[in-house]
Amino acid sequence: MLDNARDTHQIRPLLPGSPGCLVLITSRNRMTSLNARHGAQLLSLGALSVSDAREALSLRLGEHRIVAERAAIDEIVCCRV
């Protein structure tokens, strides 16, 4: 798992050279050259809905923090960059 990769130059040295290996790469940038050179399968995901984002934060932080820090949660969920 290579999370939040910047670009293909950052991850190419980390790709396995053996067949049968699987690497999951997350990035905010579309890395189409990985498809052309390495046969990667690209999958684009949209942003979470507000309710899904709240649920994800609740699972990570706990419902008590969501309730106690509602203003901060609203800022994260509704105004994410």
PDB file of N, CA and C in Angstrom:
ATOM      1  N   MET A   1       0.853  -1.164   0.000  1.00  0.00           N
ATOM      2  CA  MET A   1       0.000   0.000   0.000  1.00  0.00           C
ATOM      3  C   MET A   1       0.900   1.227   0.000  1.00  0.00           C
ATOM      4  N   LEU A   2       0.743   2.045  -1.016  1.00  0.00           N
ATOM      5  CA  LEU A   2       1.452   3.320  -1.099  1.00  0.00           C
ATOM      6  C   LEU A   2       0.387   4.404  -1.026  1.00  0.00           C
ATOM      7  N   ASP A   3       0.315   5.081   0.081  1.00  0.00           N
ATOM      8  CA  ASP A   3      -0.770   6.022   0.350  1.00  0.00           C
ATOM      9  C   ASP A   3      -0.366   7.455   0.065  1.00  0.00           C
ATOM     10  N   ASN A   4      -1.259   8.173  -0.606  1.00  0.00           N
ATOM     11  CA  ASN A   4      -1.094   9.597  -0.883  1.00  0.00           C
ATOM     12  C   ASN A   4       0.187   9.879  -1.677  1.00  0.00           C
ATOM     13  N   ALA A   5       0.380   9.095  -2.724  1.00  0.00           N
ATOM     14  CA  ALA A   5       1.573   9.264  -3.565  1.00  0.00           C
ATOM     15  C   ALA A   5       1.512  10.595  -4.311  1.00  0.00           C
ATOM     16  N   ARG A   6       2.644  11.251  -4.403  1.00  0.00           N
ATOM     17  CA  ARG A   6       2.731  12.548  -5.064  1.00  0.00           C
ATOM     18  C   ARG A   6       2.705  12.394  -6.576  1.00  0.00           C
ATOM     19  N   ASP A   7       3.557  11.520  -7.102  1.00  0.00           N
ATOM     20  CA  ASP A   7       3.654  11.338  -8.553  1.00  0.00           C
ATOM     21  C   ASP A   7       4.307  10.004  -8.859  1.00  0.00           C
ATOM     22  N   THR A   8       4.394   9.667 -10.142  1.00  0.00           N
ATOM     23  CA  THR A   8       4.951   8.376 -10.529  1.00  0.00           C
ATOM     24  C   THR A   8       6.442   8.276 -10.223  1.00  0.00           C
ATOM     25  N   HIS A   9       7.150   9.381 -10.244  1.00  0.00           N
ATOM     26  CA  HIS A   9       8.583   9.358  -9.921  1.00  0.00           C
ATOM     27  C   HIS A   9       8.805   8.918  -8.472  1.00  0.00           C
ATOM     28  N   GLN A  10       7.879   9.252  -7.610  1.00  0.00           N
ATOM     29  CA  GLN A  10       7.995   8.889  -6.200  1.00  0.00           C
ATOM     30  C   GLN A  10       7.759   7.391  -5.989  1.00  0.00           C
ATOM     31  N   ILE A  11       6.868   6.796  -6.758  1.00  0.00           N
ATOM     32  CA  ILE A  11       6.502   5.405  -6.475  1.00  0.00           C
ATOM     33  C   ILE A  11       7.171   4.364  -7.365  1.00  0.00           C
ATOM     34  N   ARG A  12       7.645   4.740  -8.528  1.00  0.00           N
ATOM     35  CA  ARG A  12       8.246   3.742  -9.429  1.00  0.00           C
ATOM     36  C   ARG A  12       9.327   2.888  -8.766  1.00  0.00           C
ATOM     37  N   PRO A  13      10.244   3.471  -7.997  1.00  0.00           N
ATOM     38  CA  PRO A  13      11.273   2.630  -7.354  1.00  0.00           C
ATOM     39  C   PRO A  13      10.697   1.652  -6.324  1.00  0.00           C
ATOM     40  N   LEU A  14       9.473   1.884  -5.882  1.00  0.00           N
ATOM     41  CA  LEU A  14       8.869   1.043  -4.857  1.00  0.00           C
ATOM     42  C   LEU A  14       8.029  -0.086  -5.431  1.00  0.00           C
ATOM     43  N   LEU A  15       7.806  -0.088  -6.742  1.00  0.00           N
ATOM     44  CA  LEU A  15       6.980  -1.124  -7.359  1.00  0.00           C
ATOM     45  C   LEU A  15       7.742  -2.444  -7.422  1.00  0.00           C
ATOM     46  N   PRO A  16       7.073  -3.549  -7.091  1.00  0.00           N
ATOM     47  CA  PRO A  16       7.750  -4.845  -7.123  1.00  0.00           C
ATOM     48  C   PRO A  16       8.051  -5.273  -8.553  1.00  0.00           C
ATOM     49  N   GLY A  17       9.123  -5.997  -8.727  1.00  0.00           N
ATOM     50  CA  GLY A  17       9.506  -6.475 -10.043  1.00  0.00           C
ATOM     51  C   GLY A  17       9.024  -7.881 -10.334  1.00  0.00           C
ATOM     52  N   SER A  18       8.412  -8.520  -9.365  1.00  0.00           N
ATOM     53  CA  SER A  18       7.974  -9.908  -9.515  1.00  0.00           C
ATOM     54  C   SER A  18       6.522  -9.976  -9.973  1.00  0.00           C
ATOM     55  N   PRO A  19       6.232 -10.898 -10.878  1.00  0.00           N
ATOM     56  CA  PRO A  19       4.833 -11.069 -11.273  1.00  0.00           C
ATOM     57  C   PRO A  19       4.024 -11.624 -10.101  1.00  0.00           C
ATOM     58  N   GLY A  20       2.763 -11.318 -10.085  1.00  0.00           N
ATOM     59  CA  GLY A  20       1.895 -11.821  -9.025  1.00  0.00           C
ATOM     60  C   GLY A  20       1.811 -10.923  -7.810  1.00  0.00           C
ATOM     61  N   CYS A  21       2.567  -9.838  -7.799  1.00  0.00           N
ATOM     62  CA  CYS A  21       2.509  -8.894  -6.678  1.00  0.00           C
ATOM     63  C   CYS A  21       1.440  -7.843  -6.962  1.00  0.00           C
ATOM     64  N   LEU A  22       0.830  -7.355  -5.923  1.00  0.00           N
ATOM     65  CA  LEU A  22      -0.213  -6.349  -6.045  1.00  0.00           C
ATOM     66  C   LEU A  22       0.169  -5.146  -5.192  1.00  0.00           C
ATOM     67  N   VAL A  23       0.022  -3.969  -5.767  1.00  0.00           N
ATOM     68  CA  VAL A  23       0.284  -2.737  -5.033  1.00  0.00           C
ATOM     69  C   VAL A  23      -0.949  -1.852  -5.163  1.00  0.00           C
ATOM     70  N   LEU A  24      -1.427  -1.350  -4.050  1.00  0.00           N
ATOM     71  CA  LEU A  24      -2.531  -0.406  -4.040  1.00  0.00           C
ATOM     72  C   LEU A  24      -1.936   0.970  -3.788  1.00  0.00           C
ATOM     73  N   ILE A  25      -2.202   1.888  -4.705  1.00  0.00           N
ATOM     74  CA  ILE A  25      -1.650   3.237  -4.614  1.00  0.00           C
ATOM     75  C   ILE A  25      -2.803   4.222  -4.519  1.00  0.00           C
ATOM     76  N   THR A  26      -2.760   5.087  -3.525  1.00  0.00           N
ATOM     77  CA  THR A  26      -3.736   6.169  -3.460  1.00  0.00           C
ATOM     78  C   THR A  26      -3.011   7.469  -3.770  1.00  0.00           C
ATOM     79  N   SER A  27      -3.720   8.349  -4.468  1.00  0.00           N
ATOM     80  CA  SER A  27      -3.135   9.629  -4.836  1.00  0.00           C
ATOM     81  C   SER A  27      -4.242  10.605  -5.186  1.00  0.00           C
ATOM     82  N   ARG A  28      -3.957  11.856  -5.060  1.00  0.00           N
ATOM     83  CA  ARG A  28      -4.886  12.888  -5.527  1.00  0.00           C
ATOM     84  C   ARG A  28      -4.636  13.213  -6.992  1.00  0.00           C
ATOM     85  N   ASN A  29      -3.585  12.632  -7.537  1.00  0.00           N
ATOM     86  CA  ASN A  29      -3.222  12.866  -8.933  1.00  0.00           C
ATOM     87  C   ASN A  29      -3.467  11.600  -9.744  1.00  0.00           C
ATOM     88  N   ARG A  30      -3.946  11.765 -10.952  1.00  0.00           N
ATOM     89  CA  ARG A  30      -4.180  10.622 -11.843  1.00  0.00           C
ATOM     90  C   ARG A  30      -2.845  10.236 -12.482  1.00  0.00           C
ATOM     91  N   MET A  31      -2.431   9.021 -12.305  1.00  0.00           N
ATOM     92  CA  MET A  31      -1.118   8.560 -12.781  1.00  0.00           C
ATOM     93  C   MET A  31      -1.291   7.640 -13.984  1.00  0.00           C
ATOM     94  N   THR A  32      -1.672   8.234 -15.103  1.00  0.00           N
ATOM     95  CA  THR A  32      -1.970   7.448 -16.302  1.00  0.00           C
ATOM     96  C   THR A  32      -0.747   6.726 -16.854  1.00  0.00           C
ATOM     97  N   SER A  33       0.441   7.227 -16.611  1.00  0.00           N
ATOM     98  CA  SER A  33       1.629   6.549 -17.132  1.00  0.00           C
ATOM     99  C   SER A  33       1.830   5.178 -16.479  1.00  0.00           C
ATOM    100  N   LEU A  34       1.298   4.974 -15.278  1.00  0.00           N
ATOM    101  CA  LEU A  34       1.383   3.663 -14.646  1.00  0.00           C
ATOM    102  C   LEU A  34       0.566   2.640 -15.432  1.00  0.00           C
ATOM    103  N   ASN A  35      -0.529   3.094 -16.014  1.00  0.00           N
ATOM    104  CA  ASN A  35      -1.344   2.214 -16.832  1.00  0.00           C
ATOM    105  C   ASN A  35      -0.596   1.814 -18.093  1.00  0.00           C
ATOM    106  N   ALA A  36       0.015   2.771 -18.733  1.00  0.00           N
ATOM    107  CA  ALA A  36       0.709   2.521 -19.995  1.00  0.00           C
ATOM    108  C   ALA A  36       1.972   1.683 -19.803  1.00  0.00           C
ATOM    109  N   ARG A  37       2.744   1.954 -18.765  1.00  0.00           N
ATOM    110  CA  ARG A  37       4.041   1.292 -18.580  1.00  0.00           C
ATOM    111  C   ARG A  37       3.984   0.037 -17.715  1.00  0.00           C
ATOM    112  N   HIS A  38       3.029  -0.019 -16.790  1.00  0.00           N
ATOM    113  CA  HIS A  38       3.017  -1.122 -15.831  1.00  0.00           C
ATOM    114  C   HIS A  38       1.702  -1.900 -15.827  1.00  0.00           C
ATOM    115  N   GLY A  39       0.772  -1.532 -16.704  1.00  0.00           N
ATOM    116  CA  GLY A  39      -0.506  -2.238 -16.761  1.00  0.00           C
ATOM    117  C   GLY A  39      -1.394  -1.999 -15.547  1.00  0.00           C
ATOM    118  N   ALA A  40      -1.223  -0.872 -14.900  1.00  0.00           N
ATOM    119  CA  ALA A  40      -2.035  -0.554 -13.724  1.00  0.00           C
ATOM    120  C   ALA A  40      -3.489  -0.355 -14.124  1.00  0.00           C
ATOM    121  N   GLN A  41      -4.368  -0.676 -13.223  1.00  0.00           N
ATOM    122  CA  GLN A  41      -5.784  -0.407 -13.418  1.00  0.00           C
ATOM    123  C   GLN A  41      -6.126   0.823 -12.601  1.00  0.00           C
ATOM    124  N   LEU A  42      -6.573   1.864 -13.275  1.00  0.00           N
ATOM    125  CA  LEU A  42      -6.877   3.125 -12.612  1.00  0.00           C
ATOM    126  C   LEU A  42      -8.341   3.156 -12.206  1.00  0.00           C
ATOM    127  N   LEU A  43      -8.604   3.644 -11.017  1.00  0.00           N
ATOM    128  CA  LEU A  43      -9.956   3.756 -10.495  1.00  0.00           C
ATOM    129  C   LEU A  43     -10.108   5.138  -9.882  1.00  0.00           C
ATOM    130  N   SER A  44     -11.054   5.890 -10.389  1.00  0.00           N
ATOM    131  CA  SER A  44     -11.305   7.222  -9.850  1.00  0.00           C
ATOM    132  C   SER A  44     -12.471   7.173  -8.877  1.00  0.00           C
ATOM    133  N   LEU A  45     -12.289   7.792  -7.747  1.00  0.00           N
ATOM    134  CA  LEU A  45     -13.336   7.870  -6.735  1.00  0.00           C
ATOM    135  C   LEU A  45     -13.681   9.315  -6.483  1.00  0.00           C
ATOM    136  N   GLY A  46     -14.942   9.584  -6.310  1.00  0.00           N
ATOM    137  CA  GLY A  46     -15.377  10.937  -5.982  1.00  0.00           C
ATOM    138  C   GLY A  46     -15.242  11.202  -4.493  1.00  0.00           C
ATOM    139  N   ALA A  47     -15.530  12.419  -4.118  1.00  0.00           N
ATOM    140  CA  ALA A  47     -15.489  12.787  -2.699  1.00  0.00           C
ATOM    141  C   ALA A  47     -16.638  12.108  -1.968  1.00  0.00           C
ATOM    142  N   LEU A  48     -16.442  11.861  -0.690  1.00  0.00           N
ATOM    143  CA  LEU A  48     -17.509  11.294   0.134  1.00  0.00           C
ATOM    144  C   LEU A  48     -18.645  12.289   0.284  1.00  0.00           C
ATOM    145  N   SER A  49     -19.847  11.782   0.422  1.00  0.00           N
ATOM    146  CA  SER A  49     -20.969  12.659   0.755  1.00  0.00           C
ATOM    147  C   SER A  49     -20.749  13.183   2.171  1.00  0.00           C
ATOM    148  N   VAL A  50     -21.465  14.227   2.536  1.00  0.00           N
ATOM    149  CA  VAL A  50     -21.316  14.798   3.881  1.00  0.00           C
ATOM    150  C   VAL A  50     -21.641  13.748   4.937  1.00  0.00           C
ATOM    151  N   SER A  51     -22.699  12.990   4.738  1.00  0.00           N
ATOM    152  CA  SER A  51     -23.069  11.987   5.747  1.00  0.00           C
ATOM    153  C   SER A  51     -22.030  10.862   5.820  1.00  0.00           C
ATOM    154  N   ASP A  52     -21.500  10.442   4.673  1.00  0.00           N
ATOM    155  CA  ASP A  52     -20.454   9.410   4.689  1.00  0.00           C
ATOM    156  C   ASP A  52     -19.172   9.923   5.340  1.00  0.00           C
ATOM    157  N   ALA A  53     -18.831  11.187   5.099  1.00  0.00           N
ATOM    158  CA  ALA A  53     -17.641  11.769   5.716  1.00  0.00           C
ATOM    159  C   ALA A  53     -17.797  11.839   7.235  1.00  0.00           C
ATOM    160  N   ARG A  54     -18.985  12.223   7.694  1.00  0.00           N
ATOM    161  CA  ARG A  54     -19.245  12.253   9.132  1.00  0.00           C
ATOM    162  C   ARG A  54     -19.132  10.856   9.735  1.00  0.00           C
ATOM    163  N   GLU A  55     -19.687   9.873   9.035  1.00  0.00           N
ATOM    164  CA  GLU A  55     -19.634   8.491   9.536  1.00  0.00           C
ATOM    165  C   GLU A  55     -18.191   7.996   9.609  1.00  0.00           C
ATOM    166  N   ALA A  56     -17.387   8.308   8.582  1.00  0.00           N
ATOM    167  CA  ALA A  56     -15.985   7.890   8.590  1.00  0.00           C
ATOM    168  C   ALA A  56     -15.235   8.525   9.764  1.00  0.00           C
ATOM    169  N   LEU A  57     -15.471   9.806  10.001  1.00  0.00           N
ATOM    170  CA  LEU A  57     -14.831  10.466  11.139  1.00  0.00           C
ATOM    171  C   LEU A  57     -15.315   9.886  12.462  1.00  0.00           C
ATOM    172  N   SER A  58     -16.590   9.574  12.527  1.00  0.00           N
ATOM    173  CA  SER A  58     -17.149   9.000  13.748  1.00  0.00           C
ATOM    174  C   SER A  58     -16.520   7.643  14.049  1.00  0.00           C
ATOM    175  N   LEU A  59     -16.323   6.834  13.018  1.00  0.00           N
ATOM    176  CA  LEU A  59     -15.685   5.533  13.224  1.00  0.00           C
ATOM    177  C   LEU A  59     -14.248   5.688  13.692  1.00  0.00           C
ATOM    178  N   ARG A  60     -13.570   6.704  13.197  1.00  0.00           N
ATOM    179  CA  ARG A  60     -12.162   6.915  13.540  1.00  0.00           C
ATOM    180  C   ARG A  60     -11.988   7.597  14.895  1.00  0.00           C
ATOM    181  N   LEU A  61     -12.821   8.632  15.149  1.00  0.00           N
ATOM    182  CA  LEU A  61     -12.645   9.458  16.347  1.00  0.00           C
ATOM    183  C   LEU A  61     -13.556   9.060  17.505  1.00  0.00           C
ATOM    184  N   GLY A  62     -14.654   8.412  17.193  1.00  0.00           N
ATOM    185  CA  GLY A  62     -15.649   8.085  18.212  1.00  0.00           C
ATOM    186  C   GLY A  62     -16.779   9.100  18.195  1.00  0.00           C
ATOM    187  N   GLU A  63     -17.966   8.619  18.412  1.00  0.00           N
ATOM    188  CA  GLU A  63     -19.161   9.478  18.367  1.00  0.00           C
ATOM    189  C   GLU A  63     -19.079  10.605  19.404  1.00  0.00           C
ATOM    190  N   HIS A  64     -18.489  10.338  20.560  1.00  0.00           N
ATOM    191  CA  HIS A  64     -18.391  11.366  21.605  1.00  0.00           C
ATOM    192  C   HIS A  64     -17.615  12.594  21.122  1.00  0.00           C
ATOM    193  N   ARG A  65     -16.564  12.390  20.327  1.00  0.00           N
ATOM    194  CA  ARG A  65     -15.794  13.533  19.795  1.00  0.00           C
ATOM    195  C   ARG A  65     -16.580  14.270  18.725  1.00  0.00           C
ATOM    196  N   ILE A  66     -17.344  13.543  17.948  1.00  0.00           N
ATOM    197  CA  ILE A  66     -18.156  14.162  16.908  1.00  0.00           C
ATOM    198  C   ILE A  66     -19.171  15.109  17.545  1.00  0.00           C
ATOM    199  N   VAL A  67     -19.799  14.651  18.605  1.00  0.00           N
ATOM    200  CA  VAL A  67     -20.794  15.470  19.302  1.00  0.00           C
ATOM    201  C   VAL A  67     -20.116  16.633  20.026  1.00  0.00           C
ATOM    202  N   ALA A  68     -18.998  16.365  20.700  1.00  0.00           N
ATOM    203  CA  ALA A  68     -18.328  17.393  21.507  1.00  0.00           C
ATOM    204  C   ALA A  68     -17.676  18.481  20.656  1.00  0.00           C
ATOM    205  N   GLU A  69     -17.266  18.145  19.447  1.00  0.00           N
ATOM    206  CA  GLU A  69     -16.538  19.113  18.613  1.00  0.00           C
ATOM    207  C   GLU A  69     -17.243  19.321  17.271  1.00  0.00           C
ATOM    208  N   ARG A  70     -18.533  19.555  17.349  1.00  0.00           N
ATOM    209  CA  ARG A  70     -19.365  19.668  16.155  1.00  0.00           C
ATOM    210  C   ARG A  70     -18.872  20.745  15.188  1.00  0.00           C
ATOM    211  N   ALA A  71     -18.467  21.893  15.670  1.00  0.00           N
ATOM    212  CA  ALA A  71     -18.005  22.979  14.793  1.00  0.00           C
ATOM    213  C   ALA A  71     -16.767  22.553  13.999  1.00  0.00           C
ATOM    214  N   ALA A  72     -15.837  21.903  14.665  1.00  0.00           N
ATOM    215  CA  ALA A  72     -14.625  21.439  13.979  1.00  0.00           C
ATOM    216  C   ALA A  72     -14.969  20.359  12.951  1.00  0.00           C
ATOM    217  N   ILE A  73     -15.867  19.458  13.305  1.00  0.00           N
ATOM    218  CA  ILE A  73     -16.283  18.400  12.384  1.00  0.00           C
ATOM    219  C   ILE A  73     -16.970  19.009  11.175  1.00  0.00           C
ATOM    220  N   ASP A  74     -17.848  19.998  11.401  1.00  0.00           N
ATOM    221  CA  ASP A  74     -18.528  20.668  10.294  1.00  0.00           C
ATOM    222  C   ASP A  74     -17.527  21.319   9.348  1.00  0.00           C
ATOM    223  N   GLU A  75     -16.489  21.925   9.905  1.00  0.00           N
ATOM    224  CA  GLU A  75     -15.469  22.565   9.062  1.00  0.00           C
ATOM    225  C   GLU A  75     -14.714  21.529   8.229  1.00  0.00           C
ATOM    226  N   ILE A  76     -14.382  20.414   8.829  1.00  0.00           N
ATOM    227  CA  ILE A  76     -13.656  19.361   8.105  1.00  0.00           C
ATOM    228  C   ILE A  76     -14.530  18.762   7.016  1.00  0.00           C
ATOM    229  N   VAL A  77     -15.755  18.437   7.353  1.00  0.00           N
ATOM    230  CA  VAL A  77     -16.656  17.721   6.439  1.00  0.00           C
ATOM    231  C   VAL A  77     -17.198  18.631   5.337  1.00  0.00           C
ATOM    232  N   CYS A  78     -17.573  19.812   5.685  1.00  0.00           N
ATOM    233  CA  CYS A  78     -18.246  20.677   4.713  1.00  0.00           C
ATOM    234  C   CYS A  78     -17.289  21.547   3.898  1.00  0.00           C
ATOM    235  N   CYS A  79     -16.104  21.766   4.394  1.00  0.00           N
ATOM    236  CA  CYS A  79     -15.204  22.696   3.710  1.00  0.00           C
ATOM    237  C   CYS A  79     -13.873  22.034   3.377  1.00  0.00           C
ATOM    238  N   ARG A  80     -13.883  20.749   3.105  1.00  0.00           N
ATOM    239  CA  ARG A  80     -12.632  20.051   2.828  1.00  0.00           C
ATOM    240  C   ARG A  80     -12.045  20.528   1.507  1.00  0.00           C
ATOM    241  N   VAL A  81     -10.732  20.500   1.438  1.00  0.00           N
ATOM    242  CA  VAL A  81     -10.021  20.984   0.263  1.00  0.00           C
ATOM    243  C   VAL A  81      -9.701  19.809  -0.635  1.00  0.00           C
TER     244      VAL A  81
END
